[in-house]
């Protein structure tokens, strides 16, 4: 199963040794889950990581290799609606 982790989940796992975000990383290997994220989410993590305790950066370095990176989706706003283009 593929699980997409957004910026908030990635920051939560870096900032806390407990909780459901961390549990996802602990359970992933045994459950044959692929942990996915996007270049956009990774950029946002890097932009916000400094707002967390210093230990969060070390956790990010340790956890980042466990993520598979998928392409960002292209989006276009048309008449107030979001239109998604699948590459």
N, C-alpha and C. Protein backbone atom coordinates (compact mmCIF):
# COMPACT_ATOMS: atom_id res chain seq x y z
N UNK A 1 0.85 -1.16 0.00
CA UNK A 1 0.00 0.00 0.00
C UNK A 1 0.90 1.23 0.00
N UNK A 2 0.51 2.24 -0.75
CA UNK A 2 1.25 3.49 -0.80
C UNK A 2 0.55 4.51 0.10
N UNK A 3 1.33 5.15 0.97
CA UNK A 3 0.81 6.20 1.84
C UNK A 3 1.50 7.50 1.49
N UNK A 4 0.72 8.52 1.14
CA UNK A 4 1.30 9.83 0.84
C UNK A 4 1.37 10.64 2.13
N UNK A 5 2.55 11.12 2.46
CA UNK A 5 2.76 11.91 3.67
C UNK A 5 2.96 13.36 3.27
N UNK A 6 2.08 14.22 3.77
CA UNK A 6 2.20 15.64 3.44
C UNK A 6 3.14 16.33 4.43
N UNK A 7 3.32 17.62 4.25
CA UNK A 7 4.25 18.39 5.07
C UNK A 7 3.92 18.29 6.56
N UNK A 8 2.65 18.38 6.91
CA UNK A 8 2.28 18.37 8.33
C UNK A 8 2.64 17.04 8.99
N UNK A 9 2.46 15.94 8.29
CA UNK A 9 2.82 14.63 8.84
C UNK A 9 4.34 14.52 8.98
N UNK A 10 5.06 14.96 7.97
CA UNK A 10 6.53 14.88 8.02
C UNK A 10 7.11 15.74 9.14
N UNK A 11 6.57 16.93 9.33
CA UNK A 11 7.04 17.78 10.42
C UNK A 11 6.67 17.19 11.77
N UNK A 12 5.48 16.61 11.87
CA UNK A 12 5.06 16.00 13.13
C UNK A 12 5.97 14.84 13.52
N UNK A 13 6.35 14.02 12.55
CA UNK A 13 7.21 12.89 12.86
C UNK A 13 8.61 13.35 13.26
N UNK A 14 9.06 14.46 12.70
CA UNK A 14 10.38 15.00 13.07
C UNK A 14 10.35 15.64 14.45
N UNK A 15 9.22 16.20 14.81
CA UNK A 15 9.13 16.95 16.05
C UNK A 15 8.71 16.15 17.27
N UNK A 16 8.28 14.91 17.08
CA UNK A 16 7.80 14.13 18.21
C UNK A 16 8.19 12.67 18.06
N UNK A 17 8.68 12.10 19.14
CA UNK A 17 9.08 10.69 19.13
C UNK A 17 7.88 9.77 19.32
N UNK A 18 6.72 10.35 19.61
CA UNK A 18 5.50 9.57 19.85
C UNK A 18 4.41 10.09 18.93
N UNK A 19 3.32 9.37 18.89
CA UNK A 19 2.18 9.83 18.11
C UNK A 19 1.98 9.02 16.84
N UNK A 20 0.86 9.29 16.19
CA UNK A 20 0.49 8.50 15.02
C UNK A 20 1.40 8.73 13.82
N UNK A 21 1.93 9.94 13.68
CA UNK A 21 2.85 10.20 12.57
C UNK A 21 4.10 9.33 12.70
N UNK A 22 4.63 9.23 13.89
CA UNK A 22 5.81 8.40 14.12
C UNK A 22 5.46 6.92 13.94
N UNK A 23 4.27 6.54 14.37
CA UNK A 23 3.84 5.14 14.24
C UNK A 23 3.81 4.70 12.78
N UNK A 24 3.47 5.61 11.88
CA UNK A 24 3.46 5.28 10.46
C UNK A 24 4.84 4.80 10.02
N UNK A 25 5.89 5.49 10.44
CA UNK A 25 7.25 5.09 10.07
C UNK A 25 7.63 3.76 10.72
N UNK A 26 7.23 3.57 11.98
CA UNK A 26 7.56 2.31 12.67
C UNK A 26 6.85 1.12 12.03
N UNK A 27 5.62 1.31 11.61
CA UNK A 27 4.82 0.21 11.09
C UNK A 27 5.05 -0.07 9.60
N UNK A 28 5.59 0.89 8.88
CA UNK A 28 5.66 0.81 7.42
C UNK A 28 6.39 -0.44 6.91
N UNK A 29 7.54 -0.72 7.43
CA UNK A 29 8.33 -1.84 6.91
C UNK A 29 7.62 -3.18 7.12
N UNK A 30 7.12 -3.39 8.31
CA UNK A 30 6.44 -4.65 8.61
C UNK A 30 5.13 -4.82 7.88
N UNK A 31 4.51 -3.70 7.53
CA UNK A 31 3.22 -3.75 6.85
C UNK A 31 3.36 -3.65 5.33
N UNK A 32 4.58 -3.59 4.83
CA UNK A 32 4.85 -3.44 3.39
C UNK A 32 4.21 -2.19 2.81
N UNK A 33 4.28 -1.10 3.57
CA UNK A 33 3.77 0.18 3.10
C UNK A 33 4.90 0.95 2.43
N UNK A 34 4.59 1.62 1.34
CA UNK A 34 5.53 2.54 0.70
C UNK A 34 5.18 3.94 1.17
N UNK A 35 6.13 4.61 1.78
CA UNK A 35 5.90 5.97 2.26
C UNK A 35 6.29 6.94 1.16
N UNK A 36 5.32 7.68 0.68
CA UNK A 36 5.49 8.57 -0.46
C UNK A 36 5.39 10.03 -0.02
N UNK A 37 6.07 10.89 -0.74
CA UNK A 37 5.90 12.33 -0.57
C UNK A 37 6.29 12.98 -1.89
N UNK A 38 6.22 14.30 -1.92
CA UNK A 38 6.49 15.03 -3.17
C UNK A 38 7.60 16.05 -2.97
N UNK A 39 8.20 16.50 -4.05
CA UNK A 39 9.22 17.55 -3.94
C UNK A 39 8.68 18.79 -3.23
N UNK A 40 7.43 19.14 -3.50
CA UNK A 40 6.84 20.31 -2.85
C UNK A 40 6.80 20.12 -1.33
N UNK A 41 6.35 18.95 -0.88
CA UNK A 41 6.28 18.68 0.56
C UNK A 41 7.67 18.71 1.19
N UNK A 42 8.67 18.15 0.50
CA UNK A 42 10.03 18.17 1.03
C UNK A 42 10.57 19.59 1.14
N UNK A 43 10.26 20.42 0.16
CA UNK A 43 10.68 21.83 0.21
C UNK A 43 10.04 22.53 1.40
N UNK A 44 8.76 22.24 1.64
CA UNK A 44 8.06 22.85 2.77
C UNK A 44 8.62 22.36 4.11
N UNK A 45 9.00 21.10 4.17
CA UNK A 45 9.63 20.59 5.39
C UNK A 45 10.92 21.35 5.66
N UNK A 46 11.75 21.49 4.65
CA UNK A 46 13.03 22.19 4.82
C UNK A 46 12.80 23.64 5.23
N UNK A 47 11.77 24.25 4.69
CA UNK A 47 11.47 25.65 5.01
C UNK A 47 11.01 25.82 6.45
N UNK A 48 10.35 24.82 7.00
CA UNK A 48 9.75 24.93 8.33
C UNK A 48 10.49 24.17 9.42
N UNK A 49 11.46 23.36 9.07
CA UNK A 49 12.17 22.53 10.04
C UNK A 49 12.85 23.37 11.12
N UNK A 50 13.32 24.54 10.77
CA UNK A 50 13.99 25.41 11.73
C UNK A 50 13.10 25.94 12.83
N UNK A 51 11.80 25.81 12.67
CA UNK A 51 10.84 26.25 13.70
C UNK A 51 10.69 25.20 14.80
N UNK A 52 11.23 24.02 14.56
CA UNK A 52 11.15 22.92 15.53
C UNK A 52 12.46 22.84 16.31
N UNK A 53 12.47 22.08 17.41
CA UNK A 53 13.72 21.90 18.15
C UNK A 53 14.82 21.33 17.24
N UNK A 54 16.06 21.59 17.61
CA UNK A 54 17.22 21.17 16.81
C UNK A 54 17.21 19.67 16.54
N UNK A 55 16.74 18.88 17.48
CA UNK A 55 16.70 17.43 17.30
C UNK A 55 15.83 17.01 16.11
N UNK A 56 14.89 17.86 15.72
CA UNK A 56 14.01 17.54 14.59
C UNK A 56 14.81 17.42 13.30
N UNK A 57 15.83 18.24 13.15
CA UNK A 57 16.66 18.17 11.94
C UNK A 57 17.39 16.83 11.86
N UNK A 58 17.90 16.36 12.98
CA UNK A 58 18.56 15.05 13.00
C UNK A 58 17.57 13.94 12.66
N UNK A 59 16.35 14.05 13.15
CA UNK A 59 15.32 13.06 12.82
C UNK A 59 15.00 13.09 11.34
N UNK A 60 14.93 14.29 10.76
CA UNK A 60 14.64 14.41 9.33
C UNK A 60 15.73 13.70 8.52
N UNK A 61 16.98 13.92 8.88
CA UNK A 61 18.10 13.29 8.18
C UNK A 61 17.99 11.76 8.28
N UNK A 62 17.56 11.27 9.41
CA UNK A 62 17.42 9.82 9.62
C UNK A 62 16.22 9.24 8.87
N UNK A 63 15.11 9.97 8.84
CA UNK A 63 13.87 9.45 8.27
C UNK A 63 13.73 9.68 6.77
N UNK A 64 14.34 10.72 6.25
CA UNK A 64 14.18 11.09 4.84
C UNK A 64 14.47 9.95 3.86
N UNK A 65 15.50 9.12 4.09
CA UNK A 65 15.78 8.03 3.15
C UNK A 65 14.66 6.98 3.04
N UNK A 66 13.73 6.98 4.00
CA UNK A 66 12.63 6.01 3.97
C UNK A 66 11.48 6.46 3.08
N UNK A 67 11.58 7.65 2.51
CA UNK A 67 10.51 8.17 1.65
C UNK A 67 10.82 7.93 0.18
N UNK A 68 9.80 7.57 -0.56
CA UNK A 68 9.89 7.54 -2.02
C UNK A 68 9.27 8.84 -2.51
N UNK A 69 9.91 9.47 -3.46
CA UNK A 69 9.43 10.76 -3.94
C UNK A 69 8.67 10.57 -5.25
N UNK A 70 7.44 11.05 -5.25
CA UNK A 70 6.62 11.01 -6.46
C UNK A 70 6.57 12.42 -7.05
N UNK A 71 6.16 12.51 -8.28
CA UNK A 71 6.08 13.81 -8.94
C UNK A 71 5.01 14.68 -8.30
N UNK A 72 5.28 15.99 -8.30
CA UNK A 72 4.24 16.94 -7.93
C UNK A 72 3.18 16.92 -9.01
N UNK A 73 1.95 17.24 -8.63
CA UNK A 73 0.91 17.36 -9.65
C UNK A 73 0.88 18.80 -10.14
N UNK A 74 0.48 18.97 -11.37
CA UNK A 74 0.31 20.32 -11.90
C UNK A 74 -1.09 20.77 -11.55
N UNK A 75 -1.22 22.00 -11.16
CA UNK A 75 -2.55 22.50 -10.86
C UNK A 75 -2.80 23.81 -11.58
N UNK A 76 -4.02 24.04 -11.85
CA UNK A 76 -4.42 25.25 -12.55
C UNK A 76 -5.71 25.74 -11.91
N UNK A 77 -5.75 27.00 -11.58
CA UNK A 77 -6.98 27.55 -11.01
C UNK A 77 -7.79 28.17 -12.14
N UNK A 78 -9.00 27.69 -12.27
CA UNK A 78 -9.88 28.16 -13.33
C UNK A 78 -11.20 28.57 -12.71
N UNK A 79 -11.54 29.83 -12.83
CA UNK A 79 -12.83 30.34 -12.34
C UNK A 79 -13.08 29.91 -10.90
N UNK A 80 -12.06 30.04 -10.06
CA UNK A 80 -12.22 29.72 -8.65
C UNK A 80 -12.20 28.24 -8.32
N UNK A 81 -11.97 27.40 -9.30
CA UNK A 81 -11.93 25.96 -9.07
C UNK A 81 -10.54 25.44 -9.37
N UNK A 82 -10.17 24.43 -8.66
CA UNK A 82 -8.86 23.82 -8.86
C UNK A 82 -8.99 22.71 -9.88
N UNK A 83 -8.18 22.76 -10.91
CA UNK A 83 -8.17 21.72 -11.93
C UNK A 83 -6.84 21.00 -11.83
N UNK A 84 -6.89 19.70 -11.64
CA UNK A 84 -5.68 18.90 -11.48
C UNK A 84 -5.33 18.24 -12.81
N UNK A 85 -4.06 18.37 -13.19
CA UNK A 85 -3.55 17.71 -14.39
C UNK A 85 -2.63 16.60 -13.94
N UNK A 86 -2.97 15.40 -14.23
CA UNK A 86 -2.12 14.26 -13.87
C UNK A 86 -1.04 14.12 -14.93
N UNK A 87 0.26 14.25 -14.54
CA UNK A 87 1.34 14.19 -15.55
C UNK A 87 1.42 12.85 -16.24
